[in-house]
Structure formats: C-alpha cells, structure tokens
Amino acid sequence: MTPEDRRAVFSHRQIAAIIEGIMQEDGTEEPIMGKSLGEAILFVSEEAATSASSAHVIYGDNGSLSYTDCLSVYRDYGAALRQTPN
C-alpha cells in the first residue's frame, strides 16, 4: 500500500466494515460485523493474533483490506485509530 492508500483508508475509518477469515473458537469462520473500518483494522492488527493472517476487511462499495494491508495502516495510524471514537 502506498502512503496515499493508507491515508485514504484512514479517512474512511468511520464507515461500516466486515471482518472475514478469522477462525472462531468453535472452528467456524463467521464474519464479524458491527465494527467500523477503524475498529476492524485495530481488531485484525491487535486482537486477532495468530488466526489473523487469513483475515480480510470488507468496507464501502468495493473496499477490501488484506491482513498485511491492515498492518500497514496500523503502523501509520494505530495510535490515532485507538484515540478516534468509532
């Protein structure tokens, strides 16, 4: 991701997002809904730990972030995402 891509994603941090590809404790991969894009990036980057490498975040009309995209945005904007009311 370019710096411009990361900045654009950060600017959309309030829109609704869906996290897919996270293995639940029961072995299913149910989508995680009800989070903003900023919350989803934080979840994938901080909380999902070992099961996150196959995660991706869907947002907006056609937006999608891979696990590595989430980490890239998190590196630049993690502190600001934690401070932003989501």
N, C-alpha and C. Protein backbone atom coordinates (compact mmCIF):
# COMPACT_ATOMS: atom_id res chain seq x y z
N MET A 1 0.84 -1.19 0.00
CA MET A 1 0.00 0.00 0.00
C MET A 1 0.88 1.24 0.00
N THR A 2 0.46 2.19 -0.78
CA THR A 2 1.18 3.46 -0.80
C THR A 2 0.74 4.32 0.38
N PRO A 3 1.53 5.33 0.72
CA PRO A 3 1.11 6.25 1.78
C PRO A 3 -0.25 6.88 1.48
N GLU A 4 -0.52 7.18 0.21
CA GLU A 4 -1.81 7.76 -0.17
C GLU A 4 -2.94 6.77 0.08
N ASP A 5 -2.71 5.48 -0.22
CA ASP A 5 -3.72 4.45 0.03
C ASP A 5 -4.01 4.36 1.53
N ARG A 6 -2.98 4.36 2.35
CA ARG A 6 -3.17 4.27 3.80
C ARG A 6 -3.92 5.49 4.33
N ARG A 7 -3.59 6.66 3.82
CA ARG A 7 -4.26 7.89 4.23
C ARG A 7 -5.74 7.84 3.84
N ALA A 8 -6.04 7.33 2.64
CA ALA A 8 -7.43 7.22 2.19
C ALA A 8 -8.22 6.26 3.08
N VAL A 9 -7.62 5.12 3.42
CA VAL A 9 -8.29 4.16 4.30
C VAL A 9 -8.55 4.81 5.65
N PHE A 10 -7.56 5.48 6.20
CA PHE A 10 -7.74 6.14 7.49
C PHE A 10 -8.86 7.17 7.44
N SER A 11 -8.97 7.89 6.34
CA SER A 11 -10.02 8.91 6.24
C SER A 11 -11.42 8.30 6.21
N HIS A 12 -11.52 7.02 5.88
CA HIS A 12 -12.81 6.32 5.85
C HIS A 12 -13.04 5.46 7.09
N ARG A 13 -12.30 5.69 8.15
CA ARG A 13 -12.30 4.82 9.33
C ARG A 13 -13.64 4.70 10.02
N GLN A 14 -14.57 5.61 9.77
CA GLN A 14 -15.87 5.58 10.45
C GLN A 14 -16.91 4.71 9.74
N ILE A 15 -16.67 4.32 8.49
CA ILE A 15 -17.69 3.56 7.78
C ILE A 15 -17.75 2.11 8.26
N ALA A 16 -18.86 1.47 8.02
CA ALA A 16 -19.07 0.09 8.46
C ALA A 16 -18.14 -0.87 7.72
N ALA A 17 -17.72 -1.91 8.45
CA ALA A 17 -16.82 -2.90 7.87
C ALA A 17 -17.21 -4.30 8.36
N ILE A 18 -16.78 -5.29 7.61
CA ILE A 18 -16.99 -6.69 7.96
C ILE A 18 -15.63 -7.37 7.93
N ILE A 19 -15.34 -8.14 8.96
CA ILE A 19 -14.08 -8.89 9.02
C ILE A 19 -14.40 -10.33 8.64
N GLU A 20 -13.67 -10.86 7.67
CA GLU A 20 -13.84 -12.24 7.25
C GLU A 20 -12.52 -12.97 7.39
N GLY A 21 -12.60 -14.29 7.53
CA GLY A 21 -11.40 -15.11 7.56
C GLY A 21 -10.78 -15.31 8.93
N ILE A 22 -11.49 -14.96 9.99
CA ILE A 22 -10.99 -15.17 11.35
C ILE A 22 -11.63 -16.46 11.88
N MET A 23 -10.81 -17.39 12.28
CA MET A 23 -11.31 -18.65 12.84
C MET A 23 -11.82 -18.41 14.26
N GLN A 24 -13.07 -18.79 14.51
CA GLN A 24 -13.67 -18.69 15.84
C GLN A 24 -13.21 -19.87 16.69
N GLU A 25 -13.47 -19.80 17.98
CA GLU A 25 -13.07 -20.87 18.89
C GLU A 25 -13.70 -22.20 18.54
N ASP A 26 -14.90 -22.17 17.95
CA ASP A 26 -15.58 -23.42 17.60
C ASP A 26 -15.17 -23.95 16.23
N GLY A 27 -14.22 -23.32 15.57
CA GLY A 27 -13.72 -23.78 14.28
C GLY A 27 -14.42 -23.19 13.07
N THR A 28 -15.44 -22.36 13.28
CA THR A 28 -16.13 -21.73 12.15
C THR A 28 -15.46 -20.42 11.78
N GLU A 29 -15.80 -19.92 10.62
CA GLU A 29 -15.28 -18.64 10.15
C GLU A 29 -16.43 -17.69 9.86
N GLU A 30 -17.23 -17.42 10.87
CA GLU A 30 -18.35 -16.49 10.72
C GLU A 30 -17.81 -15.07 10.56
N PRO A 31 -18.40 -14.27 9.64
CA PRO A 31 -17.97 -12.88 9.52
C PRO A 31 -18.24 -12.12 10.83
N ILE A 32 -17.38 -11.18 11.13
CA ILE A 32 -17.53 -10.32 12.30
C ILE A 32 -18.07 -8.98 11.79
N MET A 33 -19.27 -8.65 12.23
CA MET A 33 -19.93 -7.44 11.75
C MET A 33 -20.12 -6.47 12.90
N GLY A 34 -20.59 -5.27 12.59
CA GLY A 34 -20.89 -4.29 13.63
C GLY A 34 -19.70 -3.47 14.06
N LYS A 35 -18.66 -3.46 13.26
CA LYS A 35 -17.47 -2.66 13.59
C LYS A 35 -17.27 -1.61 12.49
N SER A 36 -16.67 -0.50 12.88
CA SER A 36 -16.26 0.49 11.88
C SER A 36 -14.96 0.00 11.24
N LEU A 37 -14.59 0.62 10.15
CA LEU A 37 -13.34 0.26 9.49
C LEU A 37 -12.15 0.42 10.44
N GLY A 38 -12.13 1.50 11.21
CA GLY A 38 -11.05 1.72 12.17
C GLY A 38 -11.00 0.61 13.21
N GLU A 39 -12.16 0.24 13.75
CA GLU A 39 -12.22 -0.85 14.73
C GLU A 39 -11.78 -2.17 14.11
N ALA A 40 -12.17 -2.40 12.88
CA ALA A 40 -11.80 -3.65 12.20
C ALA A 40 -10.29 -3.73 12.01
N ILE A 41 -9.67 -2.63 11.61
CA ILE A 41 -8.21 -2.62 11.43
C ILE A 41 -7.52 -2.89 12.77
N LEU A 42 -8.00 -2.25 13.83
CA LEU A 42 -7.43 -2.50 15.15
C LEU A 42 -7.61 -3.95 15.57
N PHE A 43 -8.78 -4.51 15.35
CA PHE A 43 -9.06 -5.89 15.73
C PHE A 43 -8.11 -6.85 15.01
N VAL A 44 -8.01 -6.70 13.70
CA VAL A 44 -7.15 -7.59 12.92
C VAL A 44 -5.69 -7.42 13.33
N SER A 45 -5.27 -6.19 13.56
CA SER A 45 -3.87 -5.91 13.87
C SER A 45 -3.47 -6.26 15.30
N GLU A 46 -4.37 -6.07 16.26
CA GLU A 46 -4.02 -6.22 17.68
C GLU A 46 -4.61 -7.47 18.33
N GLU A 47 -5.86 -7.75 18.07
CA GLU A 47 -6.56 -8.75 18.86
C GLU A 47 -6.64 -10.12 18.22
N ALA A 48 -6.57 -10.20 16.94
CA ALA A 48 -6.82 -11.47 16.29
C ALA A 48 -5.63 -12.43 16.37
N ALA A 49 -4.46 -11.92 16.66
CA ALA A 49 -3.25 -12.73 16.89
C ALA A 49 -3.00 -13.74 15.78
N THR A 50 -2.84 -14.99 16.12
CA THR A 50 -2.37 -15.99 15.16
C THR A 50 -3.36 -16.31 14.06
N SER A 51 -4.66 -16.15 14.31
CA SER A 51 -5.64 -16.51 13.29
C SER A 51 -5.89 -15.39 12.29
N ALA A 52 -5.19 -14.29 12.39
CA ALA A 52 -5.48 -13.13 11.56
C ALA A 52 -4.81 -13.15 10.19
N SER A 53 -3.84 -13.99 9.98
CA SER A 53 -3.10 -13.92 8.71
C SER A 53 -3.98 -14.20 7.49
N SER A 54 -5.10 -14.86 7.67
CA SER A 54 -6.01 -15.08 6.55
C SER A 54 -7.19 -14.13 6.56
N ALA A 55 -7.17 -13.16 7.47
CA ALA A 55 -8.28 -12.20 7.59
C ALA A 55 -8.25 -11.17 6.49
N HIS A 56 -9.43 -10.68 6.16
CA HIS A 56 -9.55 -9.51 5.31
C HIS A 56 -10.76 -8.72 5.76
N VAL A 57 -10.71 -7.42 5.48
CA VAL A 57 -11.75 -6.49 5.90
C VAL A 57 -12.43 -5.95 4.66
N ILE A 58 -13.75 -6.04 4.65
CA ILE A 58 -14.55 -5.53 3.55
C ILE A 58 -15.22 -4.25 4.03
N TYR A 59 -15.20 -3.20 3.21
CA TYR A 59 -15.81 -1.93 3.59
C TYR A 59 -16.27 -1.17 2.36
N GLY A 60 -17.22 -0.27 2.55
CA GLY A 60 -17.71 0.55 1.45
C GLY A 60 -18.29 -0.29 0.33
N ASP A 61 -18.32 0.28 -0.87
CA ASP A 61 -18.89 -0.42 -2.02
C ASP A 61 -17.98 -1.52 -2.53
N ASN A 62 -16.68 -1.27 -2.59
CA ASN A 62 -15.76 -2.25 -3.15
C ASN A 62 -14.44 -2.36 -2.39
N GLY A 63 -14.36 -1.77 -1.22
CA GLY A 63 -13.11 -1.74 -0.48
C GLY A 63 -12.80 -3.07 0.19
N SER A 64 -11.53 -3.42 0.18
CA SER A 64 -11.09 -4.65 0.83
C SER A 64 -9.65 -4.47 1.28
N LEU A 65 -9.36 -4.92 2.50
CA LEU A 65 -8.00 -4.86 3.03
C LEU A 65 -7.57 -6.26 3.44
N SER A 66 -6.39 -6.65 3.02
CA SER A 66 -5.82 -7.91 3.48
C SER A 66 -5.24 -7.71 4.88
N TYR A 67 -4.80 -8.79 5.48
CA TYR A 67 -4.13 -8.74 6.78
C TYR A 67 -2.93 -7.80 6.70
N THR A 68 -2.11 -7.94 5.67
CA THR A 68 -0.91 -7.09 5.56
C THR A 68 -1.29 -5.63 5.32
N ASP A 69 -2.40 -5.38 4.60
CA ASP A 69 -2.87 -4.00 4.43
C ASP A 69 -3.26 -3.41 5.78
N CYS A 70 -3.97 -4.20 6.60
CA CYS A 70 -4.36 -3.73 7.93
C CYS A 70 -3.13 -3.38 8.75
N LEU A 71 -2.12 -4.24 8.71
CA LEU A 71 -0.89 -3.97 9.46
C LEU A 71 -0.21 -2.70 8.96
N SER A 72 -0.25 -2.48 7.66
CA SER A 72 0.36 -1.30 7.07
C SER A 72 -0.34 -0.02 7.55
N VAL A 73 -1.66 -0.03 7.53
CA VAL A 73 -2.42 1.13 8.02
C VAL A 73 -2.17 1.30 9.52
N TYR A 74 -2.15 0.19 10.24
CA TYR A 74 -1.93 0.23 11.69
C TYR A 74 -0.58 0.84 12.03
N ARG A 75 0.46 0.50 11.29
CA ARG A 75 1.79 1.06 11.54
C ARG A 75 1.77 2.59 11.46
N ASP A 76 1.04 3.12 10.48
CA ASP A 76 0.99 4.57 10.30
C ASP A 76 -0.03 5.26 11.21
N TYR A 77 -1.15 4.60 11.49
CA TYR A 77 -2.27 5.28 12.14
C TYR A 77 -2.81 4.57 13.37
N GLY A 78 -2.12 3.57 13.88
CA GLY A 78 -2.62 2.81 15.02
C GLY A 78 -2.98 3.67 16.22
N ALA A 79 -2.11 4.58 16.61
CA ALA A 79 -2.38 5.43 17.77
C ALA A 79 -3.60 6.30 17.52
N ALA A 80 -3.72 6.85 16.33
CA ALA A 80 -4.87 7.71 16.00
C ALA A 80 -6.15 6.88 15.94
N LEU A 81 -6.09 5.64 15.48
CA LEU A 81 -7.28 4.79 15.45
C LEU A 81 -7.77 4.47 16.85
N ARG A 82 -6.85 4.27 17.77
CA ARG A 82 -7.24 4.00 19.17
C ARG A 82 -7.87 5.22 19.82
N GLN A 83 -7.48 6.42 19.41
CA GLN A 83 -8.00 7.64 20.02
C GLN A 83 -9.30 8.10 19.37
N THR A 84 -9.57 7.65 18.17
CA THR A 84 -10.75 8.08 17.43
C THR A 84 -11.99 7.37 17.96
N PRO A 85 -13.03 8.12 18.32
CA PRO A 85 -14.27 7.44 18.71
C PRO A 85 -14.86 6.74 17.49
N ASN A 86 -15.02 5.43 17.59
CA ASN A 86 -15.51 4.65 16.44
C ASN A 86 -16.98 4.39 16.53
